[in-house]
Amino acid sequence: MLRVASLRAIVLVGIACLTGCASYKVVNGARTYFDSNTGSTWSVVDEPLIFARSRTDVAAYARDYVTLVAIQVDVSAQDHDYLMLYRWSTVDPRFSPPPGPDQGELEILADGREIRLQPLAQLPVRPDERRGLHEPAHAQMRTYAYAVDPSLLRFVAGSRDLTVRMPQESVQLPFTLWGDGRRALARFADTLDGRTQAAP
């Protein structure tokens, strides 16, 4: 139980408020941040989706994790929707190295439908901005981002059977749902309708 509690604490550290000039408010399941220095605004789902797979092949109680976070970024008064993916693990990297920067292909299997997403060449938010985006406080972590739309987020949020895979990794076992943020994702998707432009 202590081990599970400590892992959840790692995840929850990522939702701490941004420091300095950035402030946020919570509306309809979304945290909206505004940076007065840059004038940029980004919204993030109030609770992420967290997936895990057991790695008892290398250590007892060890797991690999995928954290999926829906965000919307305001760029020049146009809103763009993304999924941020944090790939992290409690496995000793000497026995199972983390994926490389070019191994971010994502497969979402939702109620029998396979959704393939390719990572963007550039992340839509800077590292200093990700402190409020449910980023796990974990040293061995890789971050990817994917362009999405509200209909895809709503479909994922409404699915009963939900798993993900990282097909470019050497370990091909799927990640199963470990932290259920589907209700928060559904509320967040509803706030995006009518104000989203196609992601660049």
N, C-alpha and C. Protein backbone atom coordinates (compact mmCIF):
# COMPACT_ATOMS: atom_id res chain seq x y z
N MET A 1 0.82 -1.20 0.00
CA MET A 1 0.00 0.00 0.00
C MET A 1 0.85 1.25 0.00
N LEU A 2 1.95 1.22 0.77
CA LEU A 2 2.83 2.39 0.80
C LEU A 2 3.42 2.66 -0.57
N ARG A 3 3.76 1.57 -1.30
CA ARG A 3 4.35 1.74 -2.62
C ARG A 3 3.35 2.40 -3.56
N VAL A 4 2.09 1.94 -3.53
CA VAL A 4 1.06 2.52 -4.39
C VAL A 4 0.84 3.97 -4.03
N ALA A 5 0.80 4.27 -2.72
CA ALA A 5 0.58 5.65 -2.29
C ALA A 5 1.70 6.56 -2.76
N SER A 6 2.95 6.06 -2.70
CA SER A 6 4.07 6.89 -3.13
C SER A 6 4.03 7.14 -4.62
N LEU A 7 3.59 6.15 -5.42
CA LEU A 7 3.49 6.34 -6.86
C LEU A 7 2.43 7.37 -7.20
N ARG A 8 1.30 7.32 -6.49
CA ARG A 8 0.25 8.30 -6.74
C ARG A 8 0.73 9.69 -6.33
N ALA A 9 1.56 9.77 -5.31
CA ALA A 9 2.10 11.07 -4.90
C ALA A 9 2.98 11.66 -6.00
N ILE A 10 3.75 10.81 -6.67
CA ILE A 10 4.59 11.27 -7.78
C ILE A 10 3.73 11.91 -8.85
N VAL A 11 2.60 11.27 -9.16
CA VAL A 11 1.71 11.80 -10.20
C VAL A 11 1.10 13.12 -9.76
N LEU A 12 0.64 13.19 -8.51
CA LEU A 12 -0.07 14.37 -8.05
C LEU A 12 0.82 15.59 -7.93
N VAL A 13 2.13 15.38 -7.77
CA VAL A 13 3.04 16.52 -7.73
C VAL A 13 2.92 17.35 -8.99
N GLY A 14 2.64 16.68 -10.11
CA GLY A 14 2.58 17.37 -11.40
C GLY A 14 1.44 18.35 -11.53
N ILE A 15 0.45 18.37 -10.62
CA ILE A 15 -0.66 19.30 -10.76
C ILE A 15 -0.48 20.53 -9.88
N ALA A 16 0.71 20.72 -9.34
CA ALA A 16 0.97 21.91 -8.54
C ALA A 16 0.84 23.16 -9.38
N CYS A 17 0.50 24.28 -8.76
CA CYS A 17 0.31 25.54 -9.49
C CYS A 17 1.62 26.02 -10.09
N LEU A 18 1.55 26.70 -11.21
CA LEU A 18 2.71 27.34 -11.79
C LEU A 18 3.12 28.50 -10.89
N THR A 19 4.43 28.72 -10.81
CA THR A 19 4.95 29.80 -9.99
C THR A 19 5.16 31.04 -10.82
N GLY A 20 5.53 32.14 -10.14
CA GLY A 20 5.85 33.37 -10.86
C GLY A 20 4.60 34.07 -11.34
N CYS A 21 4.59 34.46 -12.63
CA CYS A 21 3.54 35.32 -13.16
C CYS A 21 2.34 34.54 -13.66
N ALA A 22 2.41 33.21 -13.72
CA ALA A 22 1.30 32.44 -14.26
C ALA A 22 0.26 32.16 -13.17
N SER A 23 -1.01 32.26 -13.54
CA SER A 23 -2.10 31.98 -12.62
C SER A 23 -3.10 31.08 -13.32
N TYR A 24 -3.99 30.43 -12.53
CA TYR A 24 -4.95 29.55 -13.17
C TYR A 24 -6.29 29.62 -12.47
N LYS A 25 -7.32 29.19 -13.19
CA LYS A 25 -8.64 29.03 -12.62
C LYS A 25 -9.19 27.69 -13.13
N VAL A 26 -10.13 27.09 -12.38
CA VAL A 26 -10.73 25.82 -12.77
C VAL A 26 -12.18 26.07 -13.18
N VAL A 27 -12.52 25.70 -14.42
CA VAL A 27 -13.87 25.87 -14.93
C VAL A 27 -14.27 24.61 -15.68
N ASN A 28 -15.38 23.98 -15.27
CA ASN A 28 -15.92 22.82 -15.99
C ASN A 28 -14.88 21.72 -16.21
N GLY A 29 -14.14 21.39 -15.17
CA GLY A 29 -13.19 20.29 -15.27
C GLY A 29 -11.89 20.63 -15.97
N ALA A 30 -11.61 21.90 -16.22
CA ALA A 30 -10.37 22.30 -16.90
C ALA A 30 -9.65 23.36 -16.09
N ARG A 31 -8.35 23.25 -16.02
CA ARG A 31 -7.51 24.30 -15.44
C ARG A 31 -7.04 25.21 -16.57
N THR A 32 -7.31 26.47 -16.48
CA THR A 32 -6.89 27.43 -17.50
C THR A 32 -5.82 28.33 -16.93
N TYR A 33 -4.66 28.34 -17.58
CA TYR A 33 -3.52 29.13 -17.14
C TYR A 33 -3.33 30.34 -18.04
N PHE A 34 -2.94 31.45 -17.44
CA PHE A 34 -2.61 32.64 -18.20
C PHE A 34 -1.27 33.17 -17.72
N ASP A 35 -0.35 33.40 -18.67
CA ASP A 35 0.96 33.94 -18.37
C ASP A 35 0.97 35.41 -18.77
N SER A 36 1.03 36.30 -17.80
CA SER A 36 0.96 37.73 -18.08
C SER A 36 2.20 38.25 -18.79
N ASN A 37 3.31 37.54 -18.71
CA ASN A 37 4.52 37.97 -19.41
C ASN A 37 4.43 37.73 -20.90
N THR A 38 3.91 36.58 -21.30
CA THR A 38 3.87 36.22 -22.71
C THR A 38 2.48 36.42 -23.33
N GLY A 39 1.45 36.55 -22.49
CA GLY A 39 0.10 36.67 -23.00
C GLY A 39 -0.48 35.35 -23.48
N SER A 40 0.21 34.25 -23.24
CA SER A 40 -0.25 32.94 -23.70
C SER A 40 -1.24 32.35 -22.70
N THR A 41 -2.15 31.55 -23.23
CA THR A 41 -3.16 30.88 -22.41
C THR A 41 -3.21 29.41 -22.81
N TRP A 42 -3.27 28.52 -21.83
CA TRP A 42 -3.46 27.12 -22.13
C TRP A 42 -4.35 26.50 -21.06
N SER A 43 -5.18 25.56 -21.51
CA SER A 43 -6.10 24.88 -20.61
C SER A 43 -5.70 23.41 -20.54
N VAL A 44 -5.93 22.80 -19.38
CA VAL A 44 -5.57 21.40 -19.18
C VAL A 44 -6.68 20.70 -18.43
N VAL A 45 -6.94 19.45 -18.82
CA VAL A 45 -7.95 18.64 -18.14
C VAL A 45 -7.60 18.54 -16.66
N ASP A 46 -8.63 18.50 -15.82
CA ASP A 46 -8.40 18.55 -14.38
C ASP A 46 -7.82 17.26 -13.82
N GLU A 47 -7.98 16.15 -14.54
CA GLU A 47 -7.46 14.86 -14.08
C GLU A 47 -6.97 14.06 -15.29
N PRO A 48 -5.76 13.53 -15.26
CA PRO A 48 -5.24 12.81 -16.43
C PRO A 48 -5.72 11.36 -16.48
N LEU A 49 -5.48 10.73 -17.62
CA LEU A 49 -5.62 9.29 -17.76
C LEU A 49 -4.24 8.68 -17.50
N ILE A 50 -4.19 7.68 -16.63
CA ILE A 50 -2.93 7.03 -16.31
C ILE A 50 -3.05 5.55 -16.62
N PHE A 51 -2.10 5.03 -17.38
CA PHE A 51 -2.07 3.62 -17.75
C PHE A 51 -0.80 2.99 -17.20
N ALA A 52 -0.88 1.70 -16.90
CA ALA A 52 0.29 1.01 -16.34
C ALA A 52 0.37 -0.41 -16.88
N ARG A 53 1.58 -0.95 -16.89
CA ARG A 53 1.78 -2.37 -17.19
C ARG A 53 2.81 -2.92 -16.21
N SER A 54 2.55 -4.11 -15.75
CA SER A 54 3.43 -4.75 -14.77
C SER A 54 4.74 -5.15 -15.43
N ARG A 55 5.86 -4.96 -14.70
CA ARG A 55 7.18 -5.36 -15.18
C ARG A 55 7.85 -6.29 -14.16
N THR A 56 7.10 -7.28 -13.71
CA THR A 56 7.68 -8.24 -12.77
C THR A 56 8.76 -9.10 -13.43
N ASP A 57 8.93 -8.95 -14.76
CA ASP A 57 10.03 -9.67 -15.42
C ASP A 57 11.38 -9.11 -15.02
N VAL A 58 11.41 -7.88 -14.50
CA VAL A 58 12.69 -7.28 -14.09
C VAL A 58 12.75 -7.00 -12.60
N ALA A 59 11.58 -6.75 -11.97
CA ALA A 59 11.58 -6.49 -10.52
C ALA A 59 10.16 -6.61 -9.98
N ALA A 60 10.06 -7.07 -8.74
CA ALA A 60 8.75 -7.16 -8.10
C ALA A 60 8.15 -5.78 -7.93
N TYR A 61 6.88 -5.65 -8.24
CA TYR A 61 6.10 -4.41 -8.11
C TYR A 61 6.50 -3.32 -9.10
N ALA A 62 7.43 -3.58 -10.01
CA ALA A 62 7.85 -2.57 -10.97
C ALA A 62 6.78 -2.41 -12.06
N ARG A 63 6.63 -1.17 -12.54
CA ARG A 63 5.66 -0.88 -13.59
C ARG A 63 6.20 0.17 -14.54
N ASP A 64 5.73 0.09 -15.79
CA ASP A 64 5.87 1.17 -16.75
C ASP A 64 4.57 1.94 -16.75
N TYR A 65 4.64 3.26 -16.98
CA TYR A 65 3.45 4.10 -16.95
C TYR A 65 3.36 4.98 -18.18
N VAL A 66 2.12 5.26 -18.58
CA VAL A 66 1.81 6.28 -19.58
C VAL A 66 0.77 7.20 -18.97
N THR A 67 1.07 8.48 -18.90
CA THR A 67 0.12 9.49 -18.46
C THR A 67 -0.32 10.31 -19.66
N LEU A 68 -1.62 10.35 -19.94
CA LEU A 68 -2.17 11.12 -21.05
C LEU A 68 -2.92 12.33 -20.51
N VAL A 69 -2.58 13.50 -21.05
CA VAL A 69 -3.14 14.76 -20.57
C VAL A 69 -3.67 15.56 -21.76
N ALA A 70 -4.96 15.85 -21.77
CA ALA A 70 -5.54 16.68 -22.82
C ALA A 70 -5.33 18.15 -22.49
N ILE A 71 -4.87 18.91 -23.48
CA ILE A 71 -4.65 20.34 -23.28
C ILE A 71 -5.15 21.11 -24.50
N GLN A 72 -5.38 22.39 -24.29
CA GLN A 72 -5.66 23.31 -25.39
C GLN A 72 -4.74 24.51 -25.24
N VAL A 73 -4.10 24.88 -26.33
CA VAL A 73 -3.13 25.98 -26.33
C VAL A 73 -3.64 27.09 -27.23
N ASP A 74 -3.62 28.31 -26.71
CA ASP A 74 -4.01 29.49 -27.47
C ASP A 74 -2.77 30.05 -28.15
N VAL A 75 -2.76 29.99 -29.48
CA VAL A 75 -1.65 30.51 -30.28
C VAL A 75 -2.20 31.59 -31.19
N SER A 76 -1.82 32.84 -30.92
CA SER A 76 -2.27 33.98 -31.75
C SER A 76 -3.79 33.99 -31.88
N ALA A 77 -4.47 33.83 -30.75
CA ALA A 77 -5.93 33.89 -30.67
C ALA A 77 -6.62 32.71 -31.36
N GLN A 78 -5.89 31.65 -31.68
CA GLN A 78 -6.46 30.43 -32.21
C GLN A 78 -6.14 29.27 -31.25
N ASP A 79 -7.17 28.46 -30.99
CA ASP A 79 -7.02 27.36 -30.04
C ASP A 79 -6.69 26.06 -30.77
N HIS A 80 -5.74 25.29 -30.22
CA HIS A 80 -5.32 24.03 -30.79
C HIS A 80 -5.31 22.97 -29.70
N ASP A 81 -5.82 21.79 -30.02
CA ASP A 81 -5.97 20.71 -29.04
C ASP A 81 -4.89 19.66 -29.19
N TYR A 82 -4.40 19.16 -28.04
CA TYR A 82 -3.32 18.18 -28.05
C TYR A 82 -3.53 17.16 -26.93
N LEU A 83 -2.91 16.01 -27.11
CA LEU A 83 -2.68 15.06 -26.02
C LEU A 83 -1.21 15.09 -25.69
N MET A 84 -0.89 15.36 -24.43
CA MET A 84 0.48 15.22 -23.95
C MET A 84 0.63 13.81 -23.40
N LEU A 85 1.75 13.18 -23.68
CA LEU A 85 2.02 11.83 -23.16
C LEU A 85 3.33 11.87 -22.37
N TYR A 86 3.24 11.44 -21.12
CA TYR A 86 4.43 11.28 -20.28
C TYR A 86 4.67 9.78 -20.11
N ARG A 87 5.79 9.33 -20.60
CA ARG A 87 6.16 7.90 -20.48
C ARG A 87 7.21 7.79 -19.39
N TRP A 88 6.87 7.11 -18.29
CA TRP A 88 7.78 7.01 -17.16
C TRP A 88 7.70 5.61 -16.57
N SER A 89 8.59 5.30 -15.65
CA SER A 89 8.70 3.93 -15.18
C SER A 89 9.37 3.87 -13.82
N THR A 90 9.04 2.83 -13.06
CA THR A 90 9.77 2.54 -11.82
C THR A 90 10.80 1.44 -12.03
N VAL A 91 10.95 1.02 -13.29
CA VAL A 91 11.95 -0.01 -13.62
C VAL A 91 13.33 0.64 -13.67
N ASP A 92 14.32 -0.03 -13.12
CA ASP A 92 15.69 0.45 -13.19
C ASP A 92 16.11 0.56 -14.66
N PRO A 93 16.50 1.76 -15.13
CA PRO A 93 16.84 1.92 -16.55
C PRO A 93 18.02 1.07 -17.00
N ARG A 94 18.79 0.54 -16.07
CA ARG A 94 19.89 -0.36 -16.46
C ARG A 94 19.36 -1.67 -17.03
N PHE A 95 18.16 -2.06 -16.60
CA PHE A 95 17.57 -3.31 -17.06
C PHE A 95 16.56 -3.10 -18.18
N SER A 96 15.98 -1.92 -18.25
CA SER A 96 14.98 -1.63 -19.28
C SER A 96 15.03 -0.14 -19.59
N PRO A 97 15.85 0.27 -20.57
CA PRO A 97 16.02 1.70 -20.88
C PRO A 97 14.70 2.33 -21.31
N PRO A 98 14.52 3.63 -21.03
CA PRO A 98 13.31 4.32 -21.49
C PRO A 98 13.30 4.44 -23.01
N PRO A 99 12.13 4.67 -23.62
CA PRO A 99 12.08 4.81 -25.08
C PRO A 99 12.84 6.05 -25.54
N GLY A 100 13.28 6.02 -26.80
CA GLY A 100 14.00 7.14 -27.35
C GLY A 100 13.08 8.25 -27.80
N PRO A 101 13.63 9.41 -28.15
CA PRO A 101 12.80 10.55 -28.57
C PRO A 101 12.03 10.29 -29.86
N ASP A 102 12.48 9.31 -30.65
CA ASP A 102 11.82 8.99 -31.91
C ASP A 102 10.93 7.74 -31.80
N GLN A 103 10.58 7.35 -30.57
CA GLN A 103 9.76 6.15 -30.35
C GLN A 103 8.43 6.50 -29.70
N GLY A 104 7.82 7.57 -30.17
CA GLY A 104 6.60 8.06 -29.53
C GLY A 104 5.30 7.67 -30.20
N GLU A 105 5.33 6.78 -31.17
CA GLU A 105 4.07 6.38 -31.80
C GLU A 105 3.13 5.79 -30.76
N LEU A 106 1.86 6.19 -30.81
CA LEU A 106 0.88 5.78 -29.81
C LEU A 106 -0.29 5.08 -30.47
N GLU A 107 -0.72 3.98 -29.87
CA GLU A 107 -1.94 3.29 -30.29
C GLU A 107 -2.91 3.27 -29.11
N ILE A 108 -4.09 3.81 -29.33
CA ILE A 108 -5.17 3.78 -28.34
C ILE A 108 -6.21 2.78 -28.82
N LEU A 109 -6.52 1.79 -27.99
CA LEU A 109 -7.56 0.82 -28.32
C LEU A 109 -8.75 1.10 -27.42
N ALA A 110 -9.83 1.64 -28.03
CA ALA A 110 -11.00 2.06 -27.28
C ALA A 110 -12.23 1.34 -27.82
N ASP A 111 -12.79 0.44 -27.03
CA ASP A 111 -13.98 -0.33 -27.42
C ASP A 111 -13.80 -0.99 -28.79
N GLY A 112 -12.64 -1.56 -29.01
CA GLY A 112 -12.36 -2.29 -30.25
C GLY A 112 -11.87 -1.43 -31.39
N ARG A 113 -11.90 -0.12 -31.26
CA ARG A 113 -11.42 0.77 -32.31
C ARG A 113 -9.96 1.14 -32.04
N GLU A 114 -9.12 0.99 -33.04
CA GLU A 114 -7.69 1.31 -32.90
C GLU A 114 -7.42 2.70 -33.45
N ILE A 115 -6.85 3.54 -32.61
CA ILE A 115 -6.52 4.91 -32.98
C ILE A 115 -5.00 5.05 -32.95
N ARG A 116 -4.41 5.36 -34.10
CA ARG A 116 -2.96 5.51 -34.20
C ARG A 116 -2.61 7.00 -34.26
N LEU A 117 -1.71 7.42 -33.41
CA LEU A 117 -1.29 8.81 -33.36
C LEU A 117 0.22 8.90 -33.51
N GLN A 118 0.66 9.85 -34.33
CA GLN A 118 2.08 10.10 -34.53
C GLN A 118 2.50 11.32 -33.71
N PRO A 119 3.64 11.25 -33.03
CA PRO A 119 4.06 12.39 -32.21
C PRO A 119 4.47 13.59 -33.05
N LEU A 120 4.22 14.77 -32.51
CA LEU A 120 4.63 16.00 -33.17
C LEU A 120 6.15 16.16 -33.08
N ALA A 121 6.71 16.82 -34.08
CA ALA A 121 8.16 17.05 -34.08
C ALA A 121 8.57 18.01 -32.97
N GLN A 122 7.64 18.88 -32.56
CA GLN A 122 7.94 19.87 -31.52
C GLN A 122 6.81 19.90 -30.52
N LEU A 123 7.15 19.93 -29.23
CA LEU A 123 6.13 19.99 -28.19
C LEU A 123 5.44 21.35 -28.20
N PRO A 124 4.12 21.39 -27.95
CA PRO A 124 3.41 22.66 -28.03
C PRO A 124 3.60 23.58 -26.83
N VAL A 125 4.20 23.08 -25.75
CA VAL A 125 4.45 23.90 -24.57
C VAL A 125 5.90 23.73 -24.14
N ARG A 126 6.46 24.79 -23.56
CA ARG A 126 7.84 24.76 -23.10
C ARG A 126 7.96 23.94 -21.81
N PRO A 127 9.18 23.48 -21.48
CA PRO A 127 9.35 22.70 -20.25
C PRO A 127 8.89 23.43 -19.00
N ASP A 128 9.13 24.74 -18.91
CA ASP A 128 8.72 25.48 -17.72
C ASP A 128 7.21 25.63 -17.62
N GLU A 129 6.49 25.47 -18.73
CA GLU A 129 5.03 25.55 -18.73
C GLU A 129 4.39 24.22 -18.32
N ARG A 130 5.14 23.13 -18.40
CA ARG A 130 4.55 21.81 -18.16
C ARG A 130 4.39 21.49 -16.69
N ARG A 131 4.85 22.37 -15.81
CA ARG A 131 4.73 22.09 -14.38
C ARG A 131 3.27 22.03 -13.94
N GLY A 132 2.38 22.68 -14.66
CA GLY A 132 0.98 22.64 -14.31
C GLY A 132 0.18 21.66 -15.14
N LEU A 133 0.85 20.85 -15.95
CA LEU A 133 0.17 19.96 -16.88
C LEU A 133 0.28 18.49 -16.47
N HIS A 134 0.14 18.24 -15.18
CA HIS A 134 0.15 16.87 -14.64
C HIS A 134 1.44 16.13 -14.98
N GLU A 135 2.54 16.84 -15.10
CA GLU A 135 3.81 16.19 -15.41
C GLU A 135 4.30 15.42 -14.19
N PRO A 136 4.54 14.12 -14.30
CA PRO A 136 5.04 13.35 -13.15
C PRO A 136 6.41 13.85 -12.71
N ALA A 137 6.61 13.89 -11.41
CA ALA A 137 7.91 14.28 -10.86
C ALA A 137 8.81 13.06 -10.85
N HIS A 138 9.31 12.72 -12.03
CA HIS A 138 10.08 11.49 -12.17
C HIS A 138 11.25 11.74 -13.11
N ALA A 139 12.43 11.29 -12.72
CA ALA A 139 13.63 11.59 -13.50
C ALA A 139 13.64 10.86 -14.84
N GLN A 140 13.22 9.60 -14.84
CA GLN A 140 13.25 8.79 -16.06
C GLN A 140 11.93 8.94 -16.80
N MET A 141 11.83 10.00 -17.60
CA MET A 141 10.57 10.29 -18.27
C MET A 141 10.83 10.81 -19.67
N ARG A 142 9.95 10.43 -20.59
CA ARG A 142 9.99 10.94 -21.96
C ARG A 142 8.63 11.59 -22.25
N THR A 143 8.64 12.73 -22.93
CA THR A 143 7.42 13.47 -23.21
C THR A 143 7.18 13.55 -24.71
N TYR A 144 5.93 13.26 -25.11
CA TYR A 144 5.52 13.38 -26.51
C TYR A 144 4.20 14.16 -26.55
N ALA A 145 3.83 14.64 -27.75
CA ALA A 145 2.56 15.35 -27.92
C ALA A 145 1.94 14.96 -29.26
N TYR A 146 0.60 15.00 -29.30
CA TYR A 146 -0.15 14.58 -30.48
C TYR A 146 -1.28 15.57 -30.74
N ALA A 147 -1.51 15.90 -32.01
CA ALA A 147 -2.64 16.75 -32.37
C ALA A 147 -3.92 15.92 -32.36
N VAL A 148 -4.96 16.44 -31.71
CA VAL A 148 -6.24 15.73 -31.60
C VAL A 148 -7.37 16.72 -31.83
N ASP A 149 -8.62 16.25 -31.69
CA ASP A 149 -9.78 17.12 -31.77
C ASP A 149 -10.79 16.70 -30.70
N PRO A 150 -11.79 17.55 -30.42
CA PRO A 150 -12.75 17.22 -29.36
C PRO A 150 -13.49 15.91 -29.57
N SER A 151 -13.81 15.56 -30.82
CA SER A 151 -14.55 14.32 -31.06
C SER A 151 -13.73 13.10 -30.67
N LEU A 152 -12.44 13.12 -30.95
CA LEU A 152 -11.59 11.99 -30.54
C LEU A 152 -11.51 11.90 -29.02
N LEU A 153 -11.32 13.04 -28.35
CA LEU A 153 -11.25 13.04 -26.89
C LEU A 153 -12.55 12.53 -26.29
N ARG A 154 -13.67 12.93 -26.87
CA ARG A 154 -14.96 12.49 -26.35
C ARG A 154 -15.16 10.99 -26.55
N PHE A 155 -14.70 10.47 -27.67
CA PHE A 155 -14.82 9.03 -27.90
C PHE A 155 -13.98 8.25 -26.89
N VAL A 156 -12.76 8.69 -26.66
CA VAL A 156 -11.90 8.03 -25.67
C VAL A 156 -12.54 8.11 -24.29
N ALA A 157 -13.07 9.28 -23.94
CA ALA A 157 -13.66 9.46 -22.61
C ALA A 157 -14.88 8.57 -22.41
N GLY A 158 -15.62 8.29 -23.48
CA GLY A 158 -16.83 7.50 -23.37
C GLY A 158 -16.64 6.01 -23.53
N SER A 159 -15.42 5.57 -23.82
CA SER A 159 -15.17 4.14 -24.04
C SER A 159 -15.14 3.38 -22.72
N ARG A 160 -15.63 2.15 -22.75
CA ARG A 160 -15.60 1.30 -21.56
C ARG A 160 -14.31 0.50 -21.47
N ASP A 161 -13.86 -0.01 -22.60
CA ASP A 161 -12.64 -0.83 -22.66
C ASP A 161 -11.53 0.02 -23.27
N LEU A 162 -10.52 0.38 -22.48
CA LEU A 162 -9.52 1.35 -22.91
C LEU A 162 -8.11 0.89 -22.52
N THR A 163 -7.26 0.71 -23.52
CA THR A 163 -5.85 0.39 -23.30
C THR A 163 -5.02 1.20 -24.29
N VAL A 164 -3.71 1.28 -24.04
CA VAL A 164 -2.80 1.94 -24.98
C VAL A 164 -1.57 1.07 -25.19
N ARG A 165 -0.92 1.29 -26.33
CA ARG A 165 0.34 0.62 -26.64
C ARG A 165 1.31 1.63 -27.20
N MET A 166 2.60 1.36 -26.97
CA MET A 166 3.69 2.12 -27.59
C MET A 166 4.40 1.14 -28.52
N PRO A 167 3.95 1.03 -29.78
CA PRO A 167 4.39 -0.07 -30.65
C PRO A 167 5.87 -0.04 -31.04
N GLN A 168 6.54 1.08 -30.85
CA GLN A 168 7.96 1.15 -31.20
C GLN A 168 8.87 0.70 -30.06
N GLU A 169 8.29 0.40 -28.91
CA GLU A 169 9.09 -0.07 -27.79
C GLU A 169 9.39 -1.56 -27.93
N SER A 170 10.43 -1.99 -27.28
CA SER A 170 10.81 -3.40 -27.35
C SER A 170 9.82 -4.28 -26.60
N VAL A 171 9.26 -3.77 -25.50
CA VAL A 171 8.24 -4.51 -24.74
C VAL A 171 6.89 -4.20 -25.36
N GLN A 172 6.19 -5.21 -25.83
CA GLN A 172 4.95 -5.02 -26.57
C GLN A 172 3.69 -5.22 -25.73
N LEU A 173 3.82 -5.41 -24.45
CA LEU A 173 2.64 -5.56 -23.60
C LEU A 173 1.86 -4.24 -23.56
N PRO A 174 0.53 -4.31 -23.55
CA PRO A 174 -0.27 -3.08 -23.50
C PRO A 174 -0.27 -2.46 -22.10
N PHE A 175 -0.62 -1.19 -22.04
CA PHE A 175 -0.81 -0.48 -20.78
C PHE A 175 -2.32 -0.46 -20.49
N THR A 176 -2.70 -0.86 -19.29
CA THR A 176 -4.12 -0.87 -18.92
C THR A 176 -4.42 0.31 -17.99
N LEU A 177 -5.68 0.67 -17.91
CA LEU A 177 -6.08 1.86 -17.17
C LEU A 177 -5.77 1.69 -15.68
N TRP A 178 -5.09 2.66 -15.12
CA TRP A 178 -4.65 2.62 -13.72
C TRP A 178 -5.21 3.81 -12.93
N GLY A 179 -5.30 4.96 -13.58
CA GLY A 179 -5.89 6.16 -13.00
C GLY A 179 -6.97 6.67 -13.94
N ASP A 180 -8.23 6.58 -13.52
CA ASP A 180 -9.36 6.79 -14.43
C ASP A 180 -9.80 8.26 -14.45
N GLY A 181 -9.35 8.98 -15.49
CA GLY A 181 -9.75 10.37 -15.66
C GLY A 181 -10.75 10.56 -16.78
N ARG A 182 -11.54 9.53 -17.10
CA ARG A 182 -12.45 9.62 -18.24
C ARG A 182 -13.56 10.65 -18.03
N ARG A 183 -14.10 10.76 -16.84
CA ARG A 183 -15.15 11.76 -16.61
C ARG A 183 -14.60 13.17 -16.77
N ALA A 184 -13.42 13.41 -16.25
CA ALA A 184 -12.80 14.73 -16.41
C ALA A 184 -12.52 15.03 -17.88
N LEU A 185 -12.09 14.00 -18.62
CA LEU A 185 -11.81 14.19 -20.04
C LEU A 185 -13.09 14.52 -20.80
N ALA A 186 -14.20 13.87 -20.47
CA ALA A 186 -15.47 14.16 -21.13
C ALA A 186 -15.90 15.60 -20.88
N ARG A 187 -15.76 16.08 -19.64
CA ARG A 187 -16.11 17.47 -19.34
C ARG A 187 -15.20 18.43 -20.11
N PHE A 188 -13.91 18.09 -20.17
CA PHE A 188 -12.96 18.95 -20.87
C PHE A 188 -13.30 19.01 -22.36
N ALA A 189 -13.60 17.87 -22.98
CA ALA A 189 -13.93 17.85 -24.41
C ALA A 189 -15.15 18.70 -24.70
N ASP A 190 -16.13 18.69 -23.79
CA ASP A 190 -17.33 19.49 -23.99
C ASP A 190 -17.03 20.98 -24.01
N THR A 191 -16.00 21.41 -23.27
CA THR A 191 -15.66 22.84 -23.25
C THR A 191 -14.96 23.28 -24.53
N LEU A 192 -14.46 22.33 -25.33
CA LEU A 192 -13.67 22.68 -26.51
C LEU A 192 -14.51 22.93 -27.74
N ASP A 193 -15.71 22.39 -27.80
CA ASP A 193 -16.55 22.51 -28.99
C ASP A 193 -16.83 23.97 -29.33
N GLY A 194 -16.71 24.28 -30.62
CA GLY A 194 -17.05 25.62 -31.07
C GLY A 194 -15.95 26.63 -30.96
N ARG A 195 -14.79 26.25 -30.37
CA ARG A 195 -13.72 27.24 -30.26
C ARG A 195 -12.35 26.64 -30.57
N THR A 196 -12.32 25.57 -31.38
CA THR A 196 -11.08 24.90 -31.71
C THR A 196 -10.77 25.03 -33.18
N GLN A 197 -9.53 25.40 -33.50
CA GLN A 197 -9.03 25.39 -34.87
C GLN A 197 -8.21 24.13 -35.08
N ALA A 198 -7.99 23.76 -36.32
CA ALA A 198 -7.14 22.61 -36.62
C ALA A 198 -5.74 22.84 -36.09
N ALA A 199 -5.18 21.84 -35.41
CA ALA A 199 -3.83 21.97 -34.86
C ALA A 199 -2.82 22.05 -35.99
N PRO A 200 -1.78 22.88 -35.83
CA PRO A 200 -0.79 23.02 -36.91
C PRO A 200 0.06 21.78 -37.04
